[in-house]
Amino acid sequence: MVWISGQPSQAVLDKWRKGISLDGKMTMPASIEVMKIINHNALLKIILREGSNRQICRIANLLGHPLKDLQRIAISTIKSNELQEGKWRELKKRVVSQLN
């Protein structure tokens, strides 16, 4: 879940969905859904199939909609559930083995 500055146009969202060139490489297509618009800020639900260094922040800046806040809610099949911001939990070996 990502809060960005401004309200992205359909063209901007389509660019992001199709992939953007970062560091000379195209990012994989992403799923992006506008969840709500409040006070000239947009809440987006973004699902990536890859994740390069600060990818969401960098793309948001490139497209003219700087990142205001980002909350990761899952990595692969691992959901953060009620894990508080800045906290972590150890994963069971069974869960880790499913990621490979």
N, C-alpha and C. Protein backbone atom coordinates (compact mmCIF):
# COMPACT_ATOMS: atom_id res chain seq x y z
N MET A 1 0.86 -1.16 0.00
CA MET A 1 0.00 0.00 0.00
C MET A 1 0.90 1.23 0.00
N VAL A 2 0.67 2.14 -0.94
CA VAL A 2 1.57 3.26 -1.14
C VAL A 2 0.79 4.56 -1.27
N TRP A 3 1.15 5.54 -0.46
CA TRP A 3 0.60 6.89 -0.61
C TRP A 3 1.58 7.69 -1.47
N ILE A 4 1.06 8.34 -2.52
CA ILE A 4 1.88 9.20 -3.36
C ILE A 4 1.26 10.59 -3.41
N SER A 5 2.09 11.57 -3.75
CA SER A 5 1.62 12.94 -3.93
C SER A 5 0.89 13.05 -5.26
N GLY A 6 -0.23 13.71 -5.24
CA GLY A 6 -0.99 13.95 -6.46
C GLY A 6 -1.87 12.79 -6.86
N GLN A 7 -2.60 13.02 -7.93
CA GLN A 7 -3.50 12.00 -8.47
C GLN A 7 -2.97 11.58 -9.84
N PRO A 8 -2.42 10.38 -9.97
CA PRO A 8 -1.83 9.97 -11.25
C PRO A 8 -2.90 9.79 -12.33
N SER A 9 -2.55 10.20 -13.54
CA SER A 9 -3.45 10.03 -14.67
C SER A 9 -3.48 8.57 -15.08
N GLN A 10 -4.43 8.22 -15.92
CA GLN A 10 -4.51 6.86 -16.44
C GLN A 10 -3.25 6.52 -17.24
N ALA A 11 -2.71 7.50 -17.97
CA ALA A 11 -1.49 7.28 -18.75
C ALA A 11 -0.30 6.95 -17.84
N VAL A 12 -0.19 7.65 -16.72
CA VAL A 12 0.89 7.39 -15.76
C VAL A 12 0.74 5.99 -15.17
N LEU A 13 -0.47 5.64 -14.77
CA LEU A 13 -0.72 4.31 -14.21
C LEU A 13 -0.40 3.21 -15.24
N ASP A 14 -0.78 3.45 -16.49
CA ASP A 14 -0.50 2.46 -17.54
C ASP A 14 1.00 2.28 -17.76
N LYS A 15 1.77 3.38 -17.73
CA LYS A 15 3.23 3.28 -17.86
C LYS A 15 3.79 2.41 -16.75
N TRP A 16 3.34 2.69 -15.52
CA TRP A 16 3.84 1.95 -14.36
C TRP A 16 3.48 0.48 -14.46
N ARG A 17 2.24 0.22 -14.92
CA ARG A 17 1.79 -1.17 -15.05
C ARG A 17 2.61 -1.94 -16.08
N LYS A 18 2.98 -1.28 -17.17
CA LYS A 18 3.70 -1.95 -18.26
C LYS A 18 5.18 -2.16 -17.95
N GLY A 19 5.75 -1.28 -17.13
CA GLY A 19 7.17 -1.37 -16.80
C GLY A 19 7.86 -0.06 -17.14
N ILE A 20 8.85 0.26 -16.32
CA ILE A 20 9.61 1.51 -16.44
C ILE A 20 11.09 1.14 -16.52
N SER A 21 11.86 1.92 -17.25
CA SER A 21 13.30 1.70 -17.33
C SER A 21 13.97 2.27 -16.08
N LEU A 22 14.63 1.39 -15.31
CA LEU A 22 15.42 1.78 -14.14
C LEU A 22 16.81 1.21 -14.32
N ASP A 23 17.82 2.05 -14.20
CA ASP A 23 19.21 1.59 -14.33
C ASP A 23 19.44 0.84 -15.63
N GLY A 24 18.78 1.28 -16.70
CA GLY A 24 18.97 0.68 -18.01
C GLY A 24 18.23 -0.63 -18.23
N LYS A 25 17.40 -1.04 -17.27
CA LYS A 25 16.63 -2.27 -17.41
C LYS A 25 15.15 -1.96 -17.21
N MET A 26 14.31 -2.67 -17.96
CA MET A 26 12.87 -2.51 -17.80
C MET A 26 12.38 -3.32 -16.59
N THR A 27 11.54 -2.69 -15.79
CA THR A 27 10.94 -3.42 -14.68
C THR A 27 9.85 -4.33 -15.24
N MET A 28 9.53 -5.36 -14.51
CA MET A 28 8.45 -6.26 -14.93
C MET A 28 7.12 -5.55 -14.74
N PRO A 29 6.09 -5.95 -15.48
CA PRO A 29 4.77 -5.35 -15.28
C PRO A 29 4.32 -5.49 -13.83
N ALA A 30 3.56 -4.50 -13.38
CA ALA A 30 3.05 -4.48 -12.00
C ALA A 30 1.55 -4.32 -12.02
N SER A 31 0.92 -4.83 -11.01
CA SER A 31 -0.52 -4.62 -10.82
C SER A 31 -0.69 -3.39 -9.94
N ILE A 32 -1.46 -2.40 -10.40
CA ILE A 32 -1.66 -1.17 -9.64
C ILE A 32 -3.14 -0.83 -9.63
N GLU A 33 -3.64 -0.60 -8.43
CA GLU A 33 -5.04 -0.24 -8.24
C GLU A 33 -5.12 1.01 -7.38
N VAL A 34 -5.88 2.01 -7.83
CA VAL A 34 -6.09 3.22 -7.02
C VAL A 34 -7.16 2.88 -5.99
N MET A 35 -6.79 2.96 -4.71
CA MET A 35 -7.71 2.62 -3.63
C MET A 35 -8.54 3.82 -3.20
N LYS A 36 -7.88 5.00 -3.08
CA LYS A 36 -8.61 6.22 -2.74
C LYS A 36 -7.76 7.44 -3.02
N ILE A 37 -8.44 8.58 -3.13
CA ILE A 37 -7.80 9.88 -3.32
C ILE A 37 -8.27 10.77 -2.17
N ILE A 38 -7.31 11.34 -1.42
CA ILE A 38 -7.64 12.23 -0.31
C ILE A 38 -6.67 13.40 -0.33
N ASN A 39 -7.22 14.62 -0.33
CA ASN A 39 -6.39 15.83 -0.26
C ASN A 39 -5.23 15.82 -1.25
N HIS A 40 -5.52 15.53 -2.50
CA HIS A 40 -4.51 15.54 -3.58
C HIS A 40 -3.40 14.50 -3.37
N ASN A 41 -3.70 13.45 -2.64
CA ASN A 41 -2.79 12.32 -2.48
C ASN A 41 -3.55 11.06 -2.86
N ALA A 42 -2.84 10.09 -3.42
CA ALA A 42 -3.48 8.85 -3.85
C ALA A 42 -2.91 7.67 -3.08
N LEU A 43 -3.81 6.76 -2.69
CA LEU A 43 -3.40 5.50 -2.08
C LEU A 43 -3.48 4.44 -3.16
N LEU A 44 -2.35 3.80 -3.44
CA LEU A 44 -2.28 2.76 -4.46
C LEU A 44 -1.98 1.41 -3.83
N LYS A 45 -2.58 0.37 -4.38
CA LYS A 45 -2.21 -0.99 -4.02
C LYS A 45 -1.35 -1.48 -5.18
N ILE A 46 -0.09 -1.78 -4.88
CA ILE A 46 0.85 -2.19 -5.91
C ILE A 46 1.33 -3.60 -5.63
N ILE A 47 1.26 -4.44 -6.64
CA ILE A 47 1.77 -5.81 -6.53
C ILE A 47 2.89 -5.95 -7.55
N LEU A 48 4.11 -6.19 -7.03
CA LEU A 48 5.29 -6.37 -7.88
C LEU A 48 5.61 -7.84 -8.03
N ARG A 49 6.21 -8.20 -9.14
CA ARG A 49 6.69 -9.56 -9.37
C ARG A 49 8.21 -9.62 -9.14
N GLU A 50 8.79 -8.46 -8.92
CA GLU A 50 10.22 -8.31 -8.65
C GLU A 50 10.34 -7.11 -7.72
N GLY A 51 11.51 -6.87 -7.23
CA GLY A 51 11.68 -5.71 -6.37
C GLY A 51 13.13 -5.27 -6.31
N SER A 52 13.51 -4.35 -7.19
CA SER A 52 14.87 -3.83 -7.13
C SER A 52 14.95 -2.77 -6.03
N ASN A 53 16.14 -2.30 -5.74
CA ASN A 53 16.37 -1.36 -4.65
C ASN A 53 15.48 -0.12 -4.75
N ARG A 54 14.62 0.06 -3.78
CA ARG A 54 13.72 1.22 -3.67
C ARG A 54 12.91 1.45 -4.96
N GLN A 55 12.52 0.38 -5.60
CA GLN A 55 11.85 0.44 -6.90
C GLN A 55 10.59 1.30 -6.88
N ILE A 56 9.72 1.10 -5.93
CA ILE A 56 8.46 1.85 -5.91
C ILE A 56 8.74 3.34 -5.73
N CYS A 57 9.61 3.68 -4.80
CA CYS A 57 9.95 5.08 -4.56
C CYS A 57 10.56 5.72 -5.80
N ARG A 58 11.48 5.03 -6.44
CA ARG A 58 12.16 5.58 -7.61
C ARG A 58 11.19 5.78 -8.78
N ILE A 59 10.30 4.83 -9.01
CA ILE A 59 9.34 4.97 -10.10
C ILE A 59 8.36 6.10 -9.82
N ALA A 60 7.88 6.17 -8.59
CA ALA A 60 6.95 7.25 -8.22
C ALA A 60 7.59 8.61 -8.50
N ASN A 61 8.85 8.77 -8.14
CA ASN A 61 9.55 10.03 -8.40
C ASN A 61 9.70 10.29 -9.90
N LEU A 62 10.09 9.26 -10.66
CA LEU A 62 10.24 9.41 -12.12
C LEU A 62 8.94 9.85 -12.78
N LEU A 63 7.83 9.37 -12.27
CA LEU A 63 6.53 9.67 -12.87
C LEU A 63 5.90 10.94 -12.30
N GLY A 64 6.63 11.64 -11.43
CA GLY A 64 6.15 12.93 -10.93
C GLY A 64 5.20 12.85 -9.75
N HIS A 65 5.20 11.73 -9.05
CA HIS A 65 4.31 11.55 -7.90
C HIS A 65 5.13 11.00 -6.72
N PRO A 66 5.89 11.87 -6.05
CA PRO A 66 6.76 11.41 -4.97
C PRO A 66 6.03 10.59 -3.91
N LEU A 67 6.74 9.62 -3.39
CA LEU A 67 6.23 8.74 -2.35
C LEU A 67 6.04 9.49 -1.04
N LYS A 68 4.90 9.28 -0.40
CA LYS A 68 4.65 9.87 0.91
C LYS A 68 4.77 8.81 2.00
N ASP A 69 4.31 7.58 1.71
CA ASP A 69 4.37 6.49 2.68
C ASP A 69 4.22 5.17 1.95
N LEU A 70 4.89 4.14 2.48
CA LEU A 70 4.81 2.82 1.89
C LEU A 70 4.67 1.80 3.02
N GLN A 71 3.72 0.90 2.86
CA GLN A 71 3.54 -0.17 3.84
C GLN A 71 3.50 -1.50 3.10
N ARG A 72 4.53 -2.31 3.33
CA ARG A 72 4.57 -3.64 2.71
C ARG A 72 3.59 -4.53 3.48
N ILE A 73 2.70 -5.19 2.75
CA ILE A 73 1.73 -6.05 3.44
C ILE A 73 1.99 -7.53 3.20
N ALA A 74 2.88 -7.84 2.25
CA ALA A 74 3.23 -9.25 2.02
C ALA A 74 4.48 -9.33 1.17
N ILE A 75 5.20 -10.42 1.35
CA ILE A 75 6.31 -10.79 0.47
C ILE A 75 6.02 -12.23 0.06
N SER A 76 5.78 -12.43 -1.22
CA SER A 76 5.38 -13.74 -1.73
C SER A 76 4.13 -14.19 -0.98
N THR A 77 4.17 -15.33 -0.33
CA THR A 77 2.98 -15.81 0.40
C THR A 77 3.00 -15.42 1.87
N ILE A 78 4.02 -14.68 2.28
CA ILE A 78 4.15 -14.29 3.69
C ILE A 78 3.47 -12.95 3.90
N LYS A 79 2.44 -12.94 4.71
CA LYS A 79 1.70 -11.71 5.00
C LYS A 79 2.19 -11.12 6.32
N SER A 80 2.17 -9.79 6.40
CA SER A 80 2.65 -9.14 7.62
C SER A 80 1.61 -9.19 8.74
N ASN A 81 0.34 -9.46 8.38
CA ASN A 81 -0.75 -9.55 9.35
C ASN A 81 -0.74 -8.35 10.30
N GLU A 82 -0.69 -8.58 11.59
CA GLU A 82 -0.74 -7.47 12.54
C GLU A 82 0.65 -7.03 13.00
N LEU A 83 1.68 -7.35 12.26
CA LEU A 83 3.03 -6.95 12.62
C LEU A 83 3.13 -5.43 12.58
N GLN A 84 3.53 -4.83 13.69
CA GLN A 84 3.61 -3.38 13.77
C GLN A 84 4.77 -2.85 12.92
N GLU A 85 4.62 -1.62 12.44
CA GLU A 85 5.64 -1.00 11.61
C GLU A 85 6.98 -0.99 12.33
N GLY A 86 8.03 -1.39 11.61
CA GLY A 86 9.37 -1.42 12.17
C GLY A 86 9.70 -2.69 12.94
N LYS A 87 8.72 -3.56 13.11
CA LYS A 87 8.94 -4.81 13.85
C LYS A 87 9.19 -5.95 12.86
N TRP A 88 9.69 -7.07 13.37
CA TRP A 88 9.96 -8.23 12.53
C TRP A 88 9.64 -9.49 13.31
N ARG A 89 9.59 -10.59 12.60
CA ARG A 89 9.39 -11.89 13.23
C ARG A 89 10.23 -12.92 12.51
N GLU A 90 10.64 -13.94 13.23
CA GLU A 90 11.40 -15.02 12.61
C GLU A 90 10.45 -15.91 11.83
N LEU A 91 10.95 -16.41 10.71
CA LEU A 91 10.15 -17.31 9.88
C LEU A 91 10.54 -18.75 10.18
N LYS A 92 9.55 -19.61 10.17
CA LYS A 92 9.81 -21.03 10.36
C LYS A 92 10.53 -21.57 9.12
N LYS A 93 11.36 -22.59 9.31
CA LYS A 93 12.13 -23.17 8.21
C LYS A 93 11.22 -23.63 7.08
N ARG A 94 10.06 -24.14 7.41
CA ARG A 94 9.10 -24.61 6.41
C ARG A 94 8.67 -23.45 5.49
N VAL A 95 8.43 -22.28 6.08
CA VAL A 95 8.01 -21.11 5.31
C VAL A 95 9.15 -20.65 4.40
N VAL A 96 10.36 -20.60 4.94
CA VAL A 96 11.52 -20.17 4.16
C VAL A 96 11.76 -21.11 2.98
N SER A 97 11.61 -22.42 3.22
CA SER A 97 11.84 -23.39 2.14
C SER A 97 10.82 -23.23 1.01
N GLN A 98 9.64 -22.73 1.31
CA GLN A 98 8.63 -22.52 0.28
C GLN A 98 8.96 -21.32 -0.62
N LEU A 99 9.84 -20.45 -0.17
CA LEU A 99 10.21 -19.28 -0.95
C LEU A 99 11.20 -19.58 -2.05
N ASN A 100 11.91 -20.69 -1.93
CA ASN A 100 12.95 -21.03 -2.92
C ASN A 100 12.40 -21.74 -4.10
